[in-house]
Amino acid sequence: MIKAHKEGTATFDALNYAEQAKSINAQLLHIEAAIKANIKRAVSEEGKALKKHGSATCKK
């Protein structure tokens, strides 16, 4: 059984189908926001690296 994150809350196993679906959806939305933020930062930092060091491609 998965431990509840906070005291006084149900474990995932104790939730009914609709509550589990809502929980999963919330987790996916959180992950989506994290991925978008990560991509935004990667683009920003790569742009800074390109300005500082030139091309980011591997030179042979």
N, C-alpha and C. Protein backbone atom coordinates (compact mmCIF):
# COMPACT_ATOMS: atom_id res chain seq x y z
N MET A 1 0.83 -1.18 0.00
CA MET A 1 0.00 0.00 0.00
C MET A 1 0.88 1.24 0.00
N ILE A 2 0.49 2.24 -0.75
CA ILE A 2 1.25 3.49 -0.85
C ILE A 2 0.90 4.40 0.33
N LYS A 3 1.90 4.96 0.95
CA LYS A 3 1.70 5.84 2.10
C LYS A 3 1.13 7.18 1.63
N ALA A 4 0.22 7.74 2.41
CA ALA A 4 -0.35 9.06 2.11
C ALA A 4 0.72 10.13 2.29
N HIS A 5 0.65 11.17 1.47
CA HIS A 5 1.64 12.26 1.55
C HIS A 5 1.48 13.07 2.84
N LYS A 6 0.25 13.34 3.21
CA LYS A 6 -0.04 14.12 4.41
C LYS A 6 -0.82 13.25 5.39
N GLU A 7 -0.76 13.61 6.65
CA GLU A 7 -1.57 12.91 7.65
C GLU A 7 -3.02 13.32 7.46
N GLY A 8 -3.93 12.40 7.71
CA GLY A 8 -5.34 12.71 7.59
C GLY A 8 -5.87 12.62 6.17
N THR A 9 -5.06 12.14 5.23
CA THR A 9 -5.51 11.96 3.86
C THR A 9 -5.51 10.47 3.53
N ALA A 10 -6.32 10.11 2.57
CA ALA A 10 -6.43 8.71 2.17
C ALA A 10 -5.24 8.30 1.30
N THR A 11 -4.89 7.04 1.38
CA THR A 11 -3.89 6.52 0.45
C THR A 11 -4.55 6.37 -0.92
N PHE A 12 -3.75 6.27 -1.95
CA PHE A 12 -4.28 6.13 -3.31
C PHE A 12 -5.17 4.90 -3.41
N ASP A 13 -4.75 3.81 -2.79
CA ASP A 13 -5.54 2.57 -2.82
C ASP A 13 -6.92 2.73 -2.20
N ALA A 14 -7.04 3.63 -1.23
CA ALA A 14 -8.31 3.83 -0.54
C ALA A 14 -9.28 4.70 -1.34
N LEU A 15 -8.80 5.38 -2.36
CA LEU A 15 -9.66 6.25 -3.17
C LEU A 15 -10.53 5.41 -4.09
N ASN A 16 -11.73 5.93 -4.40
CA ASN A 16 -12.57 5.24 -5.37
C ASN A 16 -12.07 5.57 -6.78
N TYR A 17 -12.69 4.97 -7.77
CA TYR A 17 -12.25 5.11 -9.16
C TYR A 17 -12.18 6.59 -9.59
N ALA A 18 -13.24 7.34 -9.32
CA ALA A 18 -13.28 8.75 -9.74
C ALA A 18 -12.20 9.57 -9.02
N GLU A 19 -11.99 9.30 -7.75
CA GLU A 19 -10.97 10.02 -6.99
C GLU A 19 -9.57 9.66 -7.49
N GLN A 20 -9.35 8.39 -7.82
CA GLN A 20 -8.06 7.99 -8.39
C GLN A 20 -7.83 8.68 -9.73
N ALA A 21 -8.86 8.73 -10.57
CA ALA A 21 -8.74 9.38 -11.88
C ALA A 21 -8.41 10.86 -11.71
N LYS A 22 -9.06 11.52 -10.76
CA LYS A 22 -8.79 12.95 -10.50
C LYS A 22 -7.35 13.14 -10.02
N SER A 23 -6.89 12.25 -9.16
CA SER A 23 -5.52 12.33 -8.65
C SER A 23 -4.50 12.13 -9.77
N ILE A 24 -4.74 11.14 -10.62
CA ILE A 24 -3.83 10.88 -11.75
C ILE A 24 -3.80 12.08 -12.68
N ASN A 25 -4.96 12.65 -12.97
CA ASN A 25 -5.03 13.81 -13.86
C ASN A 25 -4.24 14.98 -13.28
N ALA A 26 -4.38 15.22 -11.98
CA ALA A 26 -3.64 16.31 -11.33
C ALA A 26 -2.14 16.08 -11.42
N GLN A 27 -1.71 14.82 -11.24
CA GLN A 27 -0.29 14.50 -11.33
C GLN A 27 0.23 14.74 -12.75
N LEU A 28 -0.57 14.35 -13.75
CA LEU A 28 -0.16 14.55 -15.14
C LEU A 28 -0.06 16.03 -15.48
N LEU A 29 -0.99 16.83 -14.99
CA LEU A 29 -0.94 18.28 -15.23
C LEU A 29 0.31 18.88 -14.59
N HIS A 30 0.66 18.39 -13.40
CA HIS A 30 1.86 18.87 -12.71
C HIS A 30 3.12 18.49 -13.51
N ILE A 31 3.16 17.26 -13.99
CA ILE A 31 4.30 16.81 -14.80
C ILE A 31 4.39 17.61 -16.09
N GLU A 32 3.23 17.86 -16.73
CA GLU A 32 3.21 18.65 -17.96
C GLU A 32 3.81 20.04 -17.73
N ALA A 33 3.42 20.68 -16.62
CA ALA A 33 3.95 22.01 -16.30
C ALA A 33 5.45 21.94 -16.06
N ALA A 34 5.92 20.89 -15.39
CA ALA A 34 7.35 20.73 -15.12
C ALA A 34 8.13 20.53 -16.41
N ILE A 35 7.59 19.73 -17.33
CA ILE A 35 8.26 19.49 -18.61
C ILE A 35 8.35 20.79 -19.41
N LYS A 36 7.25 21.54 -19.46
CA LYS A 36 7.26 22.81 -20.19
C LYS A 36 8.28 23.78 -19.61
N ALA A 37 8.36 23.85 -18.29
CA ALA A 37 9.34 24.72 -17.64
C ALA A 37 10.76 24.27 -17.95
N ASN A 38 10.98 22.95 -17.97
CA ASN A 38 12.30 22.41 -18.27
C ASN A 38 12.70 22.72 -19.71
N ILE A 39 11.78 22.58 -20.64
CA ILE A 39 12.06 22.88 -22.05
C ILE A 39 12.37 24.37 -22.21
N LYS A 40 11.58 25.21 -21.56
CA LYS A 40 11.80 26.66 -21.63
C LYS A 40 13.19 27.02 -21.11
N ARG A 41 13.58 26.40 -20.00
CA ARG A 41 14.90 26.68 -19.43
C ARG A 41 16.01 26.16 -20.34
N ALA A 42 15.81 24.97 -20.91
CA ALA A 42 16.82 24.40 -21.79
C ALA A 42 17.04 25.28 -23.00
N VAL A 43 15.97 25.78 -23.59
CA VAL A 43 16.08 26.66 -24.75
C VAL A 43 16.81 27.95 -24.36
N SER A 44 16.44 28.50 -23.21
CA SER A 44 17.07 29.72 -22.73
C SER A 44 18.56 29.51 -22.46
N GLU A 45 18.90 28.44 -21.76
CA GLU A 45 20.30 28.20 -21.42
C GLU A 45 21.12 27.81 -22.63
N GLU A 46 20.53 27.09 -23.58
CA GLU A 46 21.26 26.75 -24.80
C GLU A 46 21.55 28.01 -25.59
N GLY A 47 20.60 28.92 -25.63
CA GLY A 47 20.82 30.19 -26.33
C GLY A 47 21.97 30.96 -25.70
N LYS A 48 22.03 30.98 -24.38
CA LYS A 48 23.12 31.66 -23.67
C LYS A 48 24.45 30.97 -23.98
N ALA A 49 24.44 29.64 -24.00
CA ALA A 49 25.67 28.89 -24.29
C ALA A 49 26.15 29.15 -25.71
N LEU A 50 25.21 29.23 -26.64
CA LEU A 50 25.59 29.48 -28.03
C LEU A 50 26.23 30.86 -28.17
N LYS A 51 25.68 31.85 -27.48
CA LYS A 51 26.24 33.20 -27.54
C LYS A 51 27.63 33.24 -26.91
N LYS A 52 27.82 32.46 -25.85
CA LYS A 52 29.09 32.47 -25.12
C LYS A 52 30.16 31.65 -25.81
N HIS A 53 29.78 30.47 -26.34
CA HIS A 53 30.78 29.51 -26.85
C HIS A 53 30.70 29.26 -28.34
N GLY A 54 29.80 29.88 -29.03
CA GLY A 54 29.65 29.59 -30.45
C GLY A 54 28.70 28.44 -30.67
N SER A 55 28.87 27.75 -31.77
CA SER A 55 27.96 26.67 -32.15
C SER A 55 27.96 25.56 -31.12
N ALA A 56 26.77 24.99 -30.88
CA ALA A 56 26.64 23.88 -29.93
C ALA A 56 26.84 22.54 -30.62
N THR A 57 27.02 22.55 -31.93
CA THR A 57 27.21 21.28 -32.62
C THR A 57 28.61 20.77 -32.40
N CYS A 58 28.77 19.48 -32.49
CA CYS A 58 30.06 18.84 -32.31
C CYS A 58 30.93 19.09 -33.53
N LYS A 59 32.11 19.60 -33.32
CA LYS A 59 33.02 19.87 -34.44
C LYS A 59 34.01 18.70 -34.55
N LYS A 60 34.20 18.20 -35.77
CA LYS A 60 35.13 17.10 -35.98
C LYS A 60 36.42 17.59 -36.58
